[in-house]
Amino acid sequence: MGISYMGSKTLNYKRYCSSIKKFLNKHDSKIIFEPGRSIVGNTGFLVTKIIYIKKNGKKNFVILDAAMNDLMRPALYGAYHNILPSIKRKKRSSNTYEFVGPICETTDKFSSLKNFQELKEKELIVICDVGAYGMSLSSNYNIRPKAIELLINNSKVKIIKKRQKLEELI
């Protein structure tokens, strides 16, 4: 009951519900669901700034101000999260972009994308589908403060958790 990543099939809830009803009509059973990710997974976004673009032959390292402590899923088990630019351009890069954090760990990597649009330092990018386990798996690894959390409802923005201050960690 997850969400669609990289064009994977999405769950047909009507067919799923119909199958469950048929099963329950035939069997005296109790079914318990934990549909968290399918409900909130695609509601969260991690907005991060490009600190530096390190050019290295056919691969460019896009170093972000977010790191694996902010979104552990790719480092933990290779989860894919779509990455979008905040400024859309038609020009594409012929190099592969490695989107990485500044922690300098081999697992501090969000994605590797070919044929992505040209990017510039200080621009923002958006990492999608982080609503289910983004903040709940975040940590203070490497003495990094946790990010601010915002709730956006229509045109209203509310701070639901302030950015952690370094003094609060030490």
Protein backbone atom coordinates (compact mmCIF):
# COMPACT_ATOMS: atom_id res chain seq x y z
CA MET A 1 0.00 0.00 0.00
CA GLY A 2 2.82 2.35 -0.80
CA ILE A 3 3.00 5.25 -3.18
CA SER A 4 4.18 5.40 -6.77
CA TYR A 5 7.95 5.81 -7.13
CA MET A 6 9.67 6.02 -10.52
CA GLY A 7 6.48 5.25 -12.44
CA SER A 8 5.59 2.16 -10.42
CA LYS A 9 1.96 1.09 -10.44
CA THR A 10 -0.35 2.73 -7.95
CA LEU A 11 -2.83 0.75 -5.93
CA ASN A 12 -6.35 0.61 -7.36
CA TYR A 13 -8.28 1.23 -4.14
CA LYS A 14 -11.67 0.27 -5.60
CA ARG A 15 -10.43 -3.15 -6.73
CA TYR A 16 -8.52 -3.60 -3.50
CA CYS A 17 -11.59 -2.76 -1.41
CA SER A 18 -13.73 -5.11 -3.49
CA SER A 19 -11.26 -7.98 -2.95
CA ILE A 20 -11.22 -7.38 0.79
CA LYS A 21 -15.04 -7.33 0.97
CA LYS A 22 -15.23 -10.63 -0.96
CA PHE A 23 -12.69 -12.19 1.40
CA LEU A 24 -14.51 -10.98 4.52
CA ASN A 25 -17.84 -12.27 3.21
CA LYS A 26 -16.32 -15.77 2.91
CA HIS A 27 -14.13 -15.75 6.05
CA ASP A 28 -14.81 -14.74 9.62
CA SER A 29 -11.70 -12.57 9.91
CA LYS A 30 -10.41 -9.29 11.17
CA ILE A 31 -8.04 -7.32 8.95
CA ILE A 32 -5.88 -4.53 10.36
CA PHE A 33 -4.29 -2.00 8.00
CA GLU A 34 -1.41 0.37 8.47
CA PRO A 35 -1.78 2.54 5.35
CA GLY A 36 0.38 5.48 6.58
CA ARG A 37 2.72 5.86 3.64
CA SER A 38 -0.06 5.56 1.08
CA ILE A 39 -1.95 8.38 2.81
CA VAL A 40 0.79 10.87 3.69
CA GLY A 41 3.87 9.81 1.72
CA ASN A 42 3.30 12.15 -1.20
CA THR A 43 2.22 15.09 0.97
CA GLY A 44 5.69 16.01 2.22
CA PHE A 45 8.56 17.75 0.42
CA LEU A 46 12.14 18.49 1.44
CA VAL A 47 13.20 21.86 0.05
CA THR A 48 16.97 22.22 -0.04
CA LYS A 49 19.54 24.64 -1.43
CA ILE A 50 22.42 23.78 -3.74
CA ILE A 51 25.59 24.71 -1.84
CA TYR A 52 28.11 23.79 -4.52
CA ILE A 53 28.34 21.95 -7.83
CA LYS A 54 31.55 19.95 -8.10
CA LYS A 55 32.30 19.16 -11.74
CA ASN A 56 34.12 15.89 -12.27
CA GLY A 57 34.24 14.70 -15.87
CA LYS A 58 30.90 13.16 -16.84
CA LYS A 59 29.52 13.37 -13.31
CA ASN A 60 28.61 16.53 -11.43
CA PHE A 61 28.17 16.34 -7.66
CA VAL A 62 25.32 18.61 -6.58
CA ILE A 63 26.07 19.26 -2.92
CA LEU A 64 22.94 20.21 -1.00
CA ASP A 65 22.42 21.80 2.40
CA ALA A 66 20.21 18.80 3.30
CA ALA A 67 21.85 15.53 4.23
CA MET A 68 21.09 11.92 5.08
CA ASN A 69 20.18 13.00 8.61
CA ASP A 70 17.28 15.00 7.10
CA LEU A 71 16.07 12.18 4.84
CA MET A 72 17.41 8.77 5.82
CA ARG A 73 15.41 6.56 3.42
CA PRO A 74 17.85 6.69 0.45
CA ALA A 75 20.86 5.97 2.70
CA LEU A 76 19.05 3.37 4.78
CA TYR A 77 17.62 1.22 2.01
CA GLY A 78 18.14 2.89 -1.35
CA ALA A 79 14.66 4.45 -1.55
CA TYR A 80 14.00 6.61 -4.59
CA HIS A 81 12.56 10.11 -4.19
CA ASN A 82 11.81 12.25 -7.23
CA ILE A 83 13.84 15.46 -7.40
CA LEU A 84 12.47 18.63 -8.99
CA PRO A 85 14.14 21.96 -9.71
CA SER A 86 12.53 25.09 -8.26
CA ILE A 87 13.30 27.00 -11.47
CA LYS A 88 12.38 25.18 -14.65
CA ARG A 89 14.72 25.46 -17.64
CA LYS A 90 14.73 23.78 -21.02
CA LYS A 91 18.51 23.34 -21.18
CA ARG A 92 19.62 19.85 -20.10
CA SER A 93 22.96 18.75 -18.71
CA SER A 94 24.88 16.11 -20.64
CA ASN A 95 26.48 15.03 -17.35
CA THR A 96 25.00 12.84 -14.65
CA TYR A 97 24.04 14.71 -11.49
CA GLU A 98 24.75 13.07 -8.13
CA PHE A 99 22.59 14.79 -5.52
CA VAL A 100 24.50 14.48 -2.26
CA GLY A 101 24.59 15.98 1.21
CA PRO A 102 27.54 17.75 2.85
CA ILE A 103 28.30 15.05 5.46
CA CYS A 104 30.96 13.29 3.32
CA GLU A 105 29.63 9.79 4.02
CA THR A 106 29.34 7.37 1.11
CA THR A 107 25.64 6.91 1.92
CA ASP A 108 24.92 10.66 2.03
CA LYS A 109 23.36 10.51 -1.43
CA PHE A 110 19.80 11.24 -2.50
CA SER A 111 19.83 10.30 -6.18
CA SER A 112 21.82 9.99 -9.39
CA LEU A 113 20.06 11.46 -12.42
CA LYS A 114 20.95 11.67 -16.10
CA ASN A 115 19.56 14.24 -18.53
CA PHE A 116 18.50 16.56 -15.69
CA GLN A 117 18.16 20.24 -16.44
CA GLU A 118 21.08 22.61 -15.91
CA LEU A 119 21.38 23.74 -12.29
CA LYS A 120 23.13 26.64 -10.61
CA GLU A 121 24.53 27.07 -7.13
CA LYS A 122 22.22 28.66 -4.53
CA GLU A 123 19.11 27.43 -6.36
CA LEU A 124 16.52 25.41 -4.50
CA ILE A 125 15.53 21.88 -5.39
CA VAL A 126 12.63 19.84 -4.06
CA ILE A 127 12.86 16.22 -2.95
CA CYS A 128 9.39 14.67 -3.19
CA ASP A 129 7.38 12.08 -1.29
CA VAL A 130 8.98 12.55 2.13
CA GLY A 131 5.71 12.87 4.09
CA ALA A 132 5.64 9.40 5.60
CA TYR A 133 9.09 8.96 7.11
CA GLY A 134 11.01 12.15 6.35
CA MET A 135 11.04 13.82 9.75
CA SER A 136 10.28 10.72 11.83
CA LEU A 137 13.56 9.14 10.65
CA SER A 138 15.57 12.39 10.84
CA SER A 139 18.35 12.72 13.38
CA ASN A 140 21.08 14.99 14.68
CA TYR A 141 23.82 12.91 13.08
CA ASN A 142 27.07 14.86 12.75
CA ILE A 143 25.63 17.51 15.12
CA ARG A 144 23.25 18.74 12.43
CA PRO A 145 20.16 20.61 13.65
CA LYS A 146 16.81 19.30 12.42
CA ALA A 147 15.02 21.26 9.69
CA ILE A 148 12.01 23.50 10.09
CA GLU A 149 8.63 21.88 9.39
CA LEU A 150 5.90 23.87 7.69
CA LEU A 151 2.27 23.02 7.11
CA ILE A 152 0.81 24.58 3.99
CA ASN A 153 -2.97 24.58 3.68
CA ASN A 154 -4.29 26.42 0.62
CA SER A 155 -2.46 29.76 0.86
CA LYS A 156 -1.78 29.63 4.62
CA VAL A 157 1.64 28.63 5.95
CA LYS A 158 2.08 27.56 9.57
CA ILE A 159 5.30 26.65 11.35
CA ILE A 160 4.63 23.35 13.10
CA LYS A 161 8.21 22.83 14.28
CA LYS A 162 10.93 25.50 14.34
CA ARG A 163 14.39 24.78 12.97
CA GLN A 164 16.49 23.37 15.76
CA LYS A 165 19.30 25.60 16.98
CA LEU A 166 22.84 24.30 17.42
CA GLU A 167 22.80 25.55 21.03
CA GLU A 168 19.93 23.16 21.74
CA LEU A 169 22.18 20.23 20.80
CA ILE A 170 25.28 21.19 22.74
